[in-house]
PDB file of N, CA and C in Angstrom:
ATOM      1  N   UNK A   1       0.949  -1.231   0.106  1.00  0.00           N
ATOM      2  CA  UNK A   1      -0.143  -0.061  -0.086  1.00  0.00           C
ATOM      3  C   UNK A   1       0.832   1.201  -0.016  1.00  0.00           C
ATOM      4  N   UNK A   2       0.531   2.260  -0.824  1.00  0.00           N
ATOM      5  CA  UNK A   2       1.272   3.436  -1.061  1.00  0.00           C
ATOM      6  C   UNK A   2       1.507   4.251   0.254  1.00  0.00           C
ATOM      7  N   UNK A   3       0.361   4.358   0.929  1.00  0.00           N
ATOM      8  CA  UNK A   3       0.366   5.342   2.278  1.00  0.00           C
ATOM      9  C   UNK A   3       1.349   4.409   3.343  1.00  0.00           C
ATOM     10  N   UNK A   4       1.295   3.189   3.352  1.00  0.00           N
ATOM     11  CA  UNK A   4       2.061   2.579   4.426  1.00  0.00           C
ATOM     12  C   UNK A   4       3.498   2.717   4.100  1.00  0.00           C
ATOM     13  N   UNK A   5       3.976   2.653   2.908  1.00  0.00           N
ATOM     14  CA  UNK A   5       5.276   2.728   2.546  1.00  0.00           C
ATOM     15  C   UNK A   5       5.843   4.195   2.788  1.00  0.00           C
ATOM     16  N   UNK A   6       4.840   5.174   2.372  1.00  0.00           N
ATOM     17  CA  UNK A   6       4.973   6.595   2.794  1.00  0.00           C
ATOM     18  C   UNK A   6       5.376   6.694   4.232  1.00  0.00           C
ATOM     19  N   UNK A   7       4.628   6.145   4.968  1.00  0.00           N
ATOM     20  CA  UNK A   7       4.720   6.378   6.553  1.00  0.00           C
ATOM     21  C   UNK A   7       5.935   5.789   6.888  1.00  0.00           C
ATOM     22  N   UNK A   8       6.386   4.534   6.389  1.00  0.00           N
ATOM     23  CA  UNK A   8       7.755   3.806   6.683  1.00  0.00           C
ATOM     24  C   UNK A   8       8.824   4.950   6.315  1.00  0.00           C
ATOM     25  N   UNK A   9       8.506   5.528   5.223  1.00  0.00           N
ATOM     26  CA  UNK A   9       9.552   6.565   4.910  1.00  0.00           C
ATOM     27  C   UNK A   9       9.672   7.648   5.919  1.00  0.00           C
ATOM     28  N   UNK A  10       8.732   8.126   6.245  1.00  0.00           N
ATOM     29  CA  UNK A  10       8.682   9.417   7.292  1.00  0.00           C
ATOM     30  C   UNK A  10       9.020   8.835   8.467  1.00  0.00           C
ATOM     31  N   UNK A  11       8.919   7.572   9.074  1.00  0.00           N
ATOM     32  CA  UNK A  11       9.435   7.107  10.235  1.00  0.00           C
ATOM     33  C   UNK A  11      11.100   7.265  10.065  1.00  0.00           C
ATOM     34  N   UNK A  12      11.575   6.428   9.052  1.00  0.00           N
ATOM     35  CA  UNK A  12      12.943   6.311   8.635  1.00  0.00           C
ATOM     36  C   UNK A  12      13.600   7.711   8.741  1.00  0.00           C
ATOM     37  N   UNK A  13      12.928   8.783   8.189  1.00  0.00           N
ATOM     38  CA  UNK A  13      13.318  10.077   7.933  1.00  0.00           C
ATOM     39  C   UNK A  13      13.554  10.621   9.522  1.00  0.00           C
ATOM     40  N   UNK A  14      12.460  10.519  10.267  1.00  0.00           N
ATOM     41  CA  UNK A  14      12.477  11.052  11.772  1.00  0.00           C
ATOM     42  C   UNK A  14      13.603  10.332  12.401  1.00  0.00           C
ATOM     43  N   UNK A  15      13.647   9.095  12.302  1.00  0.00           N
ATOM     44  CA  UNK A  15      14.722   8.260  12.962  1.00  0.00           C
ATOM     45  C   UNK A  15      16.027   8.595  12.787  1.00  0.00           C
ATOM     46  N   UNK A  16      16.411   9.125  11.575  1.00  0.00           N
ATOM     47  CA  UNK A  16      17.758   9.360  11.137  1.00  0.00           C
ATOM     48  C   UNK A  16      18.015  10.991  11.256  1.00  0.00           C
ATOM     49  N   UNK A  17      17.107  11.723  11.688  1.00  0.00           N
ATOM     50  CA  UNK A  17      17.153  13.144  11.751  1.00  0.00           C
ATOM     51  C   UNK A  17      17.751  13.674  13.047  1.00  0.00           C
ATOM     52  N   UNK A  18      18.340  14.815  12.925  1.00  0.00           N
ATOM     53  CA  UNK A  18      18.870  15.447  14.242  1.00  0.00           C
ATOM     54  C   UNK A  18      17.630  15.777  15.066  1.00  0.00           C
ATOM     55  N   UNK A  19      17.624  15.119  16.246  1.00  0.00           N
ATOM     56  CA  UNK A  19      16.411  15.130  16.996  1.00  0.00           C
ATOM     57  C   UNK A  19      16.233  16.511  17.767  1.00  0.00           C
ATOM     58  N   UNK A  20      17.188  17.416  17.673  1.00  0.00           N
ATOM     59  CA  UNK A  20      17.292  18.841  17.994  1.00  0.00           C
ATOM     60  C   UNK A  20      16.302  19.639  17.226  1.00  0.00           C
ATOM     61  N   UNK A  21      16.397  19.363  15.779  1.00  0.00           N
ATOM     62  CA  UNK A  21      15.600  20.317  14.854  1.00  0.00           C
ATOM     63  C   UNK A  21      14.504  19.637  14.113  1.00  0.00           C
ATOM     64  N   UNK A  22      14.214  18.423  14.251  1.00  0.00           N
ATOM     65  CA  UNK A  22      13.146  17.796  13.612  1.00  0.00           C
ATOM     66  C   UNK A  22      11.872  18.094  14.170  1.00  0.00           C
ATOM     67  N   UNK A  23      10.867  18.454  13.115  1.00  0.00           N
ATOM     68  CA  UNK A  23       9.462  18.994  13.605  1.00  0.00           C
ATOM     69  C   UNK A  23       8.614  18.500  12.426  1.00  0.00           C
ATOM     70  N   UNK A  24       7.250  18.630  12.679  1.00  0.00           N
ATOM     71  CA  UNK A  24       6.529  18.165  11.528  1.00  0.00           C
ATOM     72  C   UNK A  24       6.750  19.270  10.340  1.00  0.00           C
ATOM     73  N   UNK A  25       7.017  20.468  10.752  1.00  0.00           N
ATOM     74  CA  UNK A  25       7.463  21.259   9.576  1.00  0.00           C
ATOM     75  C   UNK A  25       8.612  20.809   8.743  1.00  0.00           C
ATOM     76  N   UNK A  26       9.400  20.556   9.435  1.00  0.00           N
ATOM     77  CA  UNK A  26      10.710  20.152   8.675  1.00  0.00           C
ATOM     78  C   UNK A  26      10.617  18.854   7.785  1.00  0.00           C
ATOM     79  N   UNK A  27       9.734  17.825   8.419  1.00  0.00           N
ATOM     80  CA  UNK A  27       9.391  16.545   7.856  1.00  0.00           C
ATOM     81  C   UNK A  27       8.538  16.757   6.454  1.00  0.00           C
ATOM     82  N   UNK A  28       7.630  17.649   6.697  1.00  0.00           N
ATOM     83  CA  UNK A  28       6.673  17.949   5.398  1.00  0.00           C
ATOM     84  C   UNK A  28       7.531  18.786   4.435  1.00  0.00           C
ATOM     85  N   UNK A  29       8.251  19.461   4.746  1.00  0.00           N
ATOM     86  CA  UNK A  29       9.085  20.077   3.967  1.00  0.00           C
ATOM     87  C   UNK A  29       9.941  19.126   3.147  1.00  0.00           C
ATOM     88  N   UNK A  30      10.605  18.196   3.773  1.00  0.00           N
ATOM     89  CA  UNK A  30      11.376  17.199   3.200  1.00  0.00           C
ATOM     90  C   UNK A  30      10.677  16.366   2.086  1.00  0.00           C
ATOM     91  N   UNK A  31       9.449  16.108   2.565  1.00  0.00           N
ATOM     92  CA  UNK A  31       8.715  15.257   1.528  1.00  0.00           C
ATOM     93  C   UNK A  31       7.809  16.188   0.628  1.00  0.00           C
ATOM     94  N   UNK A  32       7.945  17.436   0.694  1.00  0.00           N
ATOM     95  CA  UNK A  32       7.113  18.259  -0.093  1.00  0.00           C
ATOM     96  C   UNK A  32       5.569  18.142  -0.116  1.00  0.00           C
ATOM     97  N   UNK A  33       5.042  18.062   1.042  1.00  0.00           N
ATOM     98  CA  UNK A  33       3.662  17.943   1.463  1.00  0.00           C
ATOM     99  C   UNK A  33       3.441  19.173   2.633  1.00  0.00           C
ATOM    100  N   UNK A  34       2.115  19.461   2.673  1.00  0.00           N
ATOM    101  CA  UNK A  34       1.713  20.261   3.682  1.00  0.00           C
ATOM    102  C   UNK A  34       1.811  19.608   5.041  1.00  0.00           C
ATOM    103  N   UNK A  35       2.094  20.120   6.162  1.00  0.00           N
ATOM    104  CA  UNK A  35       2.191  19.656   7.425  1.00  0.00           C
ATOM    105  C   UNK A  35       0.773  18.940   7.773  1.00  0.00           C
ATOM    106  N   UNK A  36      -0.275  19.676   7.586  1.00  0.00           N
ATOM    107  CA  UNK A  36      -1.598  18.968   7.812  1.00  0.00           C
ATOM    108  C   UNK A  36      -1.768  17.638   6.954  1.00  0.00           C
ATOM    109  N   UNK A  37      -1.522  17.766   5.845  1.00  0.00           N
ATOM    110  CA  UNK A  37      -1.632  16.379   4.931  1.00  0.00           C
ATOM    111  C   UNK A  37      -0.774  15.353   5.486  1.00  0.00           C
ATOM    112  N   UNK A  38       0.561  15.491   5.662  1.00  0.00           N
ATOM    113  CA  UNK A  38       1.470  14.513   6.197  1.00  0.00           C
ATOM    114  C   UNK A  38       1.048  14.057   7.518  1.00  0.00           C
ATOM    115  N   UNK A  39       0.467  14.761   8.320  1.00  0.00           N
ATOM    116  CA  UNK A  39       0.238  14.385   9.755  1.00  0.00           C
ATOM    117  C   UNK A  39      -1.008  13.629   9.636  1.00  0.00           C
ATOM    118  N   UNK A  40      -2.018  14.080   8.843  1.00  0.00           N
ATOM    119  CA  UNK A  40      -3.167  13.280   8.413  1.00  0.00           C
ATOM    120  C   UNK A  40      -2.894  11.865   8.181  1.00  0.00           C
ATOM    121  N   UNK A  41      -2.195  11.707   6.971  1.00  0.00           N
ATOM    122  CA  UNK A  41      -1.766  10.393   6.553  1.00  0.00           C
ATOM    123  C   UNK A  41      -1.123   9.428   7.582  1.00  0.00           C
ATOM    124  N   UNK A  42      -0.098  10.141   8.316  1.00  0.00           N
ATOM    125  CA  UNK A  42       0.506   9.485   9.303  1.00  0.00           C
ATOM    126  C   UNK A  42      -0.235   8.856  10.558  1.00  0.00           C
ATOM    127  N   UNK A  43      -1.101   9.841  10.928  1.00  0.00           N
ATOM    128  CA  UNK A  43      -2.072   9.415  11.963  1.00  0.00           C
ATOM    129  C   UNK A  43      -3.089   8.311  11.553  1.00  0.00           C
ATOM    130  N   UNK A  44      -3.449   8.439  10.278  1.00  0.00           N
ATOM    131  CA  UNK A  44      -4.421   7.192   9.710  1.00  0.00           C
ATOM    132  C   UNK A  44      -3.833   5.975   9.731  1.00  0.00           C
ATOM    133  N   UNK A  45      -2.595   5.960   9.516  1.00  0.00           N
ATOM    134  CA  UNK A  45      -1.679   4.758   9.361  1.00  0.00           C
ATOM    135  C   UNK A  45      -1.200   4.310  10.650  1.00  0.00           C
ATOM    136  N   UNK A  46      -0.807   5.158  11.524  1.00  0.00           N
ATOM    137  CA  UNK A  46      -0.276   4.627  12.879  1.00  0.00           C
ATOM    138  C   UNK A  46      -1.165   4.755  14.057  1.00  0.00           C
ATOM    139  N   UNK A  47      -2.060   5.869  14.089  1.00  0.00           N
ATOM    140  CA  UNK A  47      -2.716   5.945  15.065  1.00  0.00           C
ATOM    141  C   UNK A  47      -2.121   7.048  16.072  1.00  0.00           C
ATOM    142  N   UNK A  48      -1.199   7.700  15.598  1.00  0.00           N
ATOM    143  CA  UNK A  48      -0.442   8.711  16.453  1.00  0.00           C
ATOM    144  C   UNK A  48      -0.076   9.788  15.445  1.00  0.00           C
ATOM    145  N   UNK A  49      -0.019  11.164  16.072  1.00  0.00           N
ATOM    146  CA  UNK A  49       0.619  12.143  15.143  1.00  0.00           C
ATOM    147  C   UNK A  49       1.991  12.095  14.939  1.00  0.00           C
ATOM    148  N   UNK A  50       2.652  12.907  14.155  1.00  0.00           N
ATOM    149  CA  UNK A  50       4.085  12.953  13.812  1.00  0.00           C
ATOM    150  C   UNK A  50       4.812  13.237  15.025  1.00  0.00           C
ATOM    151  N   UNK A  51       4.194  14.388  15.834  1.00  0.00           N
ATOM    152  CA  UNK A  51       4.938  14.972  16.912  1.00  0.00           C
ATOM    153  C   UNK A  51       4.979  13.739  18.080  1.00  0.00           C
ATOM    154  N   UNK A  52       3.768  12.998  18.141  1.00  0.00           N
ATOM    155  CA  UNK A  52       4.010  11.841  19.195  1.00  0.00           C
ATOM    156  C   UNK A  52       5.024  11.054  18.829  1.00  0.00           C
ATOM    157  N   UNK A  53       5.294  10.840  17.446  1.00  0.00           N
ATOM    158  CA  UNK A  53       6.247   9.757  17.066  1.00  0.00           C
ATOM    159  C   UNK A  53       7.691  10.360  17.303  1.00  0.00           C
ATOM    160  N   UNK A  54       7.784  11.640  17.022  1.00  0.00           N
ATOM    161  CA  UNK A  54       9.155  12.495  17.401  1.00  0.00           C
ATOM    162  C   UNK A  54       9.330  12.163  18.869  1.00  0.00           C
ATOM    163  N   UNK A  55       8.385  12.446  19.597  1.00  0.00           N
ATOM    164  CA  UNK A  55       8.571  12.450  21.106  1.00  0.00           C
ATOM    165  C   UNK A  55       9.015  11.005  21.604  1.00  0.00           C
ATOM    166  N   UNK A  56       8.410   9.987  20.994  1.00  0.00           N
ATOM    167  CA  UNK A  56       8.705   8.531  21.279  1.00  0.00           C
ATOM    168  C   UNK A  56      10.312   8.425  20.892  1.00  0.00           C
ATOM    169  N   UNK A  57      10.740   8.810  19.656  1.00  0.00           N
ATOM    170  CA  UNK A  57      12.023   8.725  19.208  1.00  0.00           C
ATOM    171  C   UNK A  57      13.042   9.407  20.006  1.00  0.00           C
ATOM    172  N   UNK A  58      12.735  10.702  20.733  1.00  0.00           N
ATOM    173  CA  UNK A  58      13.351  11.369  21.615  1.00  0.00           C
ATOM    174  C   UNK A  58      13.581  10.597  22.875  1.00  0.00           C
ATOM    175  N   UNK A  59      12.519   9.987  23.398  1.00  0.00           N
ATOM    176  CA  UNK A  59      12.634   9.510  24.599  1.00  0.00           C
ATOM    177  C   UNK A  59      13.435   8.025  24.351  1.00  0.00           C
ATOM    178  N   UNK A  60      13.255   7.241  23.247  1.00  0.00           N
ATOM    179  CA  UNK A  60      13.967   6.272  23.014  1.00  0.00           C
ATOM    180  C   UNK A  60      15.511   6.515  23.119  1.00  0.00           C
ATOM    181  N   UNK A  61      15.876   7.581  22.349  1.00  0.00           N
ATOM    182  CA  UNK A  61      17.334   8.090  22.367  1.00  0.00           C
ATOM    183  C   UNK A  61      17.826   8.490  23.937  1.00  0.00           C
ATOM    184  N   UNK A  62      16.740   9.115  24.602  1.00  0.00           N
ATOM    185  CA  UNK A  62      17.200   9.587  25.871  1.00  0.00           C
ATOM    186  C   UNK A  62      17.465   8.261  26.959  1.00  0.00           C
ATOM    187  N   UNK A  63      16.764   7.266  26.599  1.00  0.00           N
ATOM    188  CA  UNK A  63      17.055   6.025  27.517  1.00  0.00           C
ATOM    189  C   UNK A  63      18.293   5.317  27.045  1.00  0.00           C
ATOM    190  N   UNK A  64      18.693   5.578  25.738  1.00  0.00           N
ATOM    191  CA  UNK A  64      20.042   5.085  25.597  1.00  0.00           C
ATOM    192  C   UNK A  64      20.977   5.827  26.279  1.00  0.00           C
ATOM    193  N   UNK A  65      21.020   7.322  25.988  1.00  0.00           N
ATOM    194  CA  UNK A  65      21.977   8.163  26.665  1.00  0.00           C
ATOM    195  C   UNK A  65      22.047   7.826  28.217  1.00  0.00           C
ATOM    196  N   UNK A  66      20.909   7.861  28.866  1.00  0.00           N
ATOM    197  CA  UNK A  66      20.944   7.705  30.151  1.00  0.00           C
ATOM    198  C   UNK A  66      21.485   6.219  30.630  1.00  0.00           C
ATOM    199  N   UNK A  67      21.466   5.257  29.873  1.00  0.00           N
ATOM    200  CA  UNK A  67      22.079   3.909  30.103  1.00  0.00           C
ATOM    201  C   UNK A  67      23.501   4.060  29.972  1.00  0.00           C
ATOM    202  N   UNK A  68      24.160   4.788  29.013  1.00  0.00           N
ATOM    203  CA  UNK A  68      25.534   4.557  28.611  1.00  0.00           C
ATOM    204  C   UNK A  68      26.429   5.724  28.700  1.00  0.00           C
ATOM    205  N   UNK A  69      25.745   6.890  28.757  1.00  0.00           N
ATOM    206  CA  UNK A  69      26.623   8.240  28.534  1.00  0.00           C
ATOM    207  C   UNK A  69      27.219   8.867  29.720  1.00  0.00           C
ATOM    208  N   UNK A  70      26.476   8.859  30.907  1.00  0.00           N
ATOM    209  CA  UNK A  70      26.919   9.435  31.916  1.00  0.00           C
ATOM    210  C   UNK A  70      26.593  10.961  31.823  1.00  0.00           C
ATOM    211  N   UNK A  71      25.876  11.529  30.857  1.00  0.00           N
ATOM    212  CA  UNK A  71      25.694  12.781  30.504  1.00  0.00           C
ATOM    213  C   UNK A  71      24.951  13.407  31.604  1.00  0.00           C
ATOM    214  N   UNK A  72      24.975  14.633  31.752  1.00  0.00           N
ATOM    215  CA  UNK A  72      23.837  15.372  32.684  1.00  0.00           C
ATOM    216  C   UNK A  72      22.492  15.310  32.202  1.00  0.00           C
ATOM    217  N   UNK A  73      21.537  15.493  32.794  1.00  0.00           N
ATOM    218  CA  UNK A  73      20.142  15.548  32.221  1.00  0.00           C
ATOM    219  C   UNK A  73      20.005  16.834  31.385  1.00  0.00           C
ATOM    220  N   UNK A  74      20.431  17.845  31.853  1.00  0.00           N
ATOM    221  CA  UNK A  74      20.345  19.187  30.962  1.00  0.00           C
ATOM    222  C   UNK A  74      21.020  19.069  29.776  1.00  0.00           C
ATOM    223  N   UNK A  75      22.219  18.248  29.574  1.00  0.00           N
ATOM    224  CA  UNK A  75      22.817  18.139  28.507  1.00  0.00           C
ATOM    225  C   UNK A  75      22.098  17.149  27.376  1.00  0.00           C
ATOM    226  N   UNK A  76      21.501  16.131  28.083  1.00  0.00           N
ATOM    227  CA  UNK A  76      20.732  15.143  27.269  1.00  0.00           C
ATOM    228  C   UNK A  76      19.438  15.795  26.696  1.00  0.00           C
ATOM    229  N   UNK A  77      18.719  16.432  27.314  1.00  0.00           N
ATOM    230  CA  UNK A  77      17.595  17.563  27.146  1.00  0.00           C
ATOM    231  C   UNK A  77      18.089  18.282  25.960  1.00  0.00           C
ATOM    232  N   UNK A  78      19.015  19.109  26.124  1.00  0.00           N
ATOM    233  CA  UNK A  78      19.639  19.851  25.070  1.00  0.00           C
ATOM    234  C   UNK A  78      19.712  19.214  23.833  1.00  0.00           C
ATOM    235  N   UNK A  79      20.501  17.897  23.702  1.00  0.00           N
ATOM    236  CA  UNK A  79      20.752  17.096  22.675  1.00  0.00           C
ATOM    237  C   UNK A  79      19.540  16.689  21.938  1.00  0.00           C
ATOM    238  N   UNK A  80      18.379  16.584  22.707  1.00  0.00           N
ATOM    239  CA  UNK A  80      17.172  16.131  22.116  1.00  0.00           C
ATOM    240  C   UNK A  80      16.194  17.036  21.625  1.00  0.00           C
ATOM    241  N   UNK A  81      16.616  18.392  21.808  1.00  0.00           N
ATOM    242  CA  UNK A  81      15.783  19.451  21.298  1.00  0.00           C
ATOM    243  C   UNK A  81      14.652  20.082  22.327  1.00  0.00           C
ATOM    244  N   UNK A  82      15.117  19.699  23.677  1.00  0.00           N
ATOM    245  CA  UNK A  82      14.333  20.322  24.785  1.00  0.00           C
ATOM    246  C   UNK A  82      14.981  21.488  25.395  1.00  0.00           C
ATOM    247  N   UNK A  83      14.328  22.624  25.460  1.00  0.00           N
ATOM    248  CA  UNK A  83      14.911  23.909  26.067  1.00  0.00           C
ATOM    249  C   UNK A  83      15.256  23.722  27.646  1.00  0.00           C
ATOM    250  N   UNK A  84      14.443  23.002  28.222  1.00  0.00           N
ATOM    251  CA  UNK A  84      14.366  22.783  29.719  1.00  0.00           C
ATOM    252  C   UNK A  84      14.462  21.402  30.089  1.00  0.00           C
ATOM    253  N   UNK A  85      15.545  21.198  30.948  1.00  0.00           N
ATOM    254  CA  UNK A  85      15.467  19.857  31.523  1.00  0.00           C
ATOM    255  C   UNK A  85      14.351  19.387  32.305  1.00  0.00           C
ATOM    256  N   UNK A  86      13.667  20.337  33.043  1.00  0.00           N
ATOM    257  CA  UNK A  86      12.379  20.081  33.725  1.00  0.00           C
ATOM    258  C   UNK A  86      11.311  19.565  32.806  1.00  0.00           C
ATOM    259  N   UNK A  87      11.156  20.338  31.642  1.00  0.00           N
ATOM    260  CA  UNK A  87      10.035  19.890  30.577  1.00  0.00           C
ATOM    261  C   UNK A  87      10.408  18.452  30.052  1.00  0.00           C
ATOM    262  N   UNK A  88      11.603  18.100  29.841  1.00  0.00           N
ATOM    263  CA  UNK A  88      12.059  16.888  29.343  1.00  0.00           C
ATOM    264  C   UNK A  88      11.794  15.794  30.378  1.00  0.00           C
ATOM    265  N   UNK A  89      12.092  16.173  31.671  1.00  0.00           N
ATOM    266  CA  UNK A  89      11.761  15.154  32.667  1.00  0.00           C
ATOM    267  C   UNK A  89      10.341  14.799  32.806  1.00  0.00           C
ATOM    268  N   UNK A  90       9.474  15.830  32.655  1.00  0.00           N
ATOM    269  CA  UNK A  90       8.143  15.606  32.852  1.00  0.00           C
ATOM    270  C   UNK A  90       7.706  14.707  31.557  1.00  0.00           C
ATOM    271  N   UNK A  91       8.185  14.989  30.245  1.00  0.00           N
ATOM    272  CA  UNK A  91       7.767  14.130  29.393  1.00  0.00           C
ATOM    273  C   UNK A  91       8.179  12.861  29.371  1.00  0.00           C
ATOM    274  N   UNK A  92       9.534  12.570  29.664  1.00  0.00           N
ATOM    275  CA  UNK A  92       9.984  11.263  30.014  1.00  0.00           C
ATOM    276  C   UNK A  92       9.065  10.655  31.105  1.00  0.00           C
ATOM    277  N   UNK A  93       8.800  11.174  32.215  1.00  0.00           N
ATOM    278  CA  UNK A  93       8.074  10.393  33.255  1.00  0.00           C
ATOM    279  C   UNK A  93       6.742  10.066  32.626  1.00  0.00           C
ATOM    280  N   UNK A  94       6.108  11.045  32.081  1.00  0.00           N
ATOM    281  CA  UNK A  94       4.772  10.678  31.239  1.00  0.00           C
ATOM    282  C   UNK A  94       4.845   9.469  30.572  1.00  0.00           C
ATOM    283  N   UNK A  95       5.813   9.371  29.830  1.00  0.00           N
ATOM    284  CA  UNK A  95       5.933   8.038  28.933  1.00  0.00           C
ATOM    285  C   UNK A  95       6.296   6.818  29.395  1.00  0.00           C
ATOM    286  N   UNK A  96       7.483   6.986  30.357  1.00  0.00           N
ATOM    287  CA  UNK A  96       8.160   5.875  30.920  1.00  0.00           C
ATOM    288  C   UNK A  96       7.381   5.464  32.340  1.00  0.00           C
ATOM    289  N   UNK A  97       6.788   6.621  32.992  1.00  0.00           N
ATOM    290  CA  UNK A  97       6.463   6.047  34.317  1.00  0.00           C
ATOM    291  C   UNK A  97       7.291   6.200  35.405  1.00  0.00           C
ATOM    292  N   UNK A  98       8.601   6.596  35.070  1.00  0.00           N
ATOM    293  CA  UNK A  98       9.566   6.881  36.104  1.00  0.00           C
ATOM    294  C   UNK A  98      10.429   7.998  35.724  1.00  0.00           C
ATOM    295  N   UNK A  99      11.189   8.676  36.599  1.00  0.00           N
ATOM    296  CA  UNK A  99      11.855  10.128  36.116  1.00  0.00           C
ATOM    297  C   UNK A  99      13.125   9.566  35.586  1.00  0.00           C
ATOM    298  N   UNK A 100      13.745  10.397  34.640  1.00  0.00           N
ATOM    299  CA  UNK A 100      15.038   9.831  33.775  1.00  0.00           C
ATOM    300  C   UNK A 100      16.012   9.535  34.954  1.00  0.00           C
ATOM    301  N   UNK A 101      16.237  10.361  36.031  1.00  0.00           N
ATOM    302  CA  UNK A 101      17.038   9.953  37.092  1.00  0.00           C
ATOM    303  C   UNK A 101      16.894   8.443  37.497  1.00  0.00           C
ATOM    304  N   UNK A 102      15.781   8.108  37.928  1.00  0.00           N
ATOM    305  CA  UNK A 102      15.295   6.695  38.461  1.00  0.00           C
ATOM    306  C   UNK A 102      15.486   5.723  37.366  1.00  0.00           C
ATOM    307  N   UNK A 103      15.404   6.168  36.098  1.00  0.00           N
ATOM    308  CA  UNK A 103      15.615   5.314  34.969  1.00  0.00           C
ATOM    309  C   UNK A 103      17.190   5.045  34.818  1.00  0.00           C
ATOM    310  N   UNK A 104      18.000   6.176  35.009  1.00  0.00           N
ATOM    311  CA  UNK A 104      19.418   5.930  34.821  1.00  0.00           C
ATOM    312  C   UNK A 104      19.955   5.304  36.016  1.00  0.00           C
ATOM    313  N   UNK A 105      19.416   5.180  37.158  1.00  0.00           N
ATOM    314  CA  UNK A 105      19.922   4.558  38.267  1.00  0.00           C
ATOM    315  C   UNK A 105      19.369   3.017  38.348  1.00  0.00           C
ATOM    316  N   UNK A 106      18.619   2.696  37.680  1.00  0.00           N
ATOM    317  CA  UNK A 106      18.181   1.335  37.549  1.00  0.00           C
ATOM    318  C   UNK A 106      19.199   0.286  37.045  1.00  0.00           C
ATOM    319  N   UNK A 107      19.282  -0.867  37.638  1.00  0.00           N
ATOM    320  CA  UNK A 107      20.415  -1.832  37.302  1.00  0.00           C
ATOM    321  C   UNK A 107      19.950  -2.487  35.910  1.00  0.00           C
ATOM    322  N   UNK A 108      20.773  -2.818  35.154  1.00  0.00           N
ATOM    323  CA  UNK A 108      20.458  -3.371  33.760  1.00  0.00           C
ATOM    324  C   UNK A 108      19.960  -4.905  34.081  1.00  0.00           C
TER     325      UNK A 108
END
């Protein structure tokens, strides 16, 4: 199906993008579609918005950094495009159910 392949391409683009700068606008521009159209197609195929998917990618990257990097929370937040570490922490906790600090302190 054409839409399914398109959404796979959008996901691959987001996953390979600089997470500091990726947005629905940058994704739409990359694929030469309007933000509304691309978000509509994406949501029809996945059940989530592009922003939701970008957030999930950011949190997945944060988990990786928290496990192996030893970076400060503010540096991780900055690397992922969050202006404030406190906002990043609240998004992380909403998705993961625990704070980034608690996640980092967990034993593997």
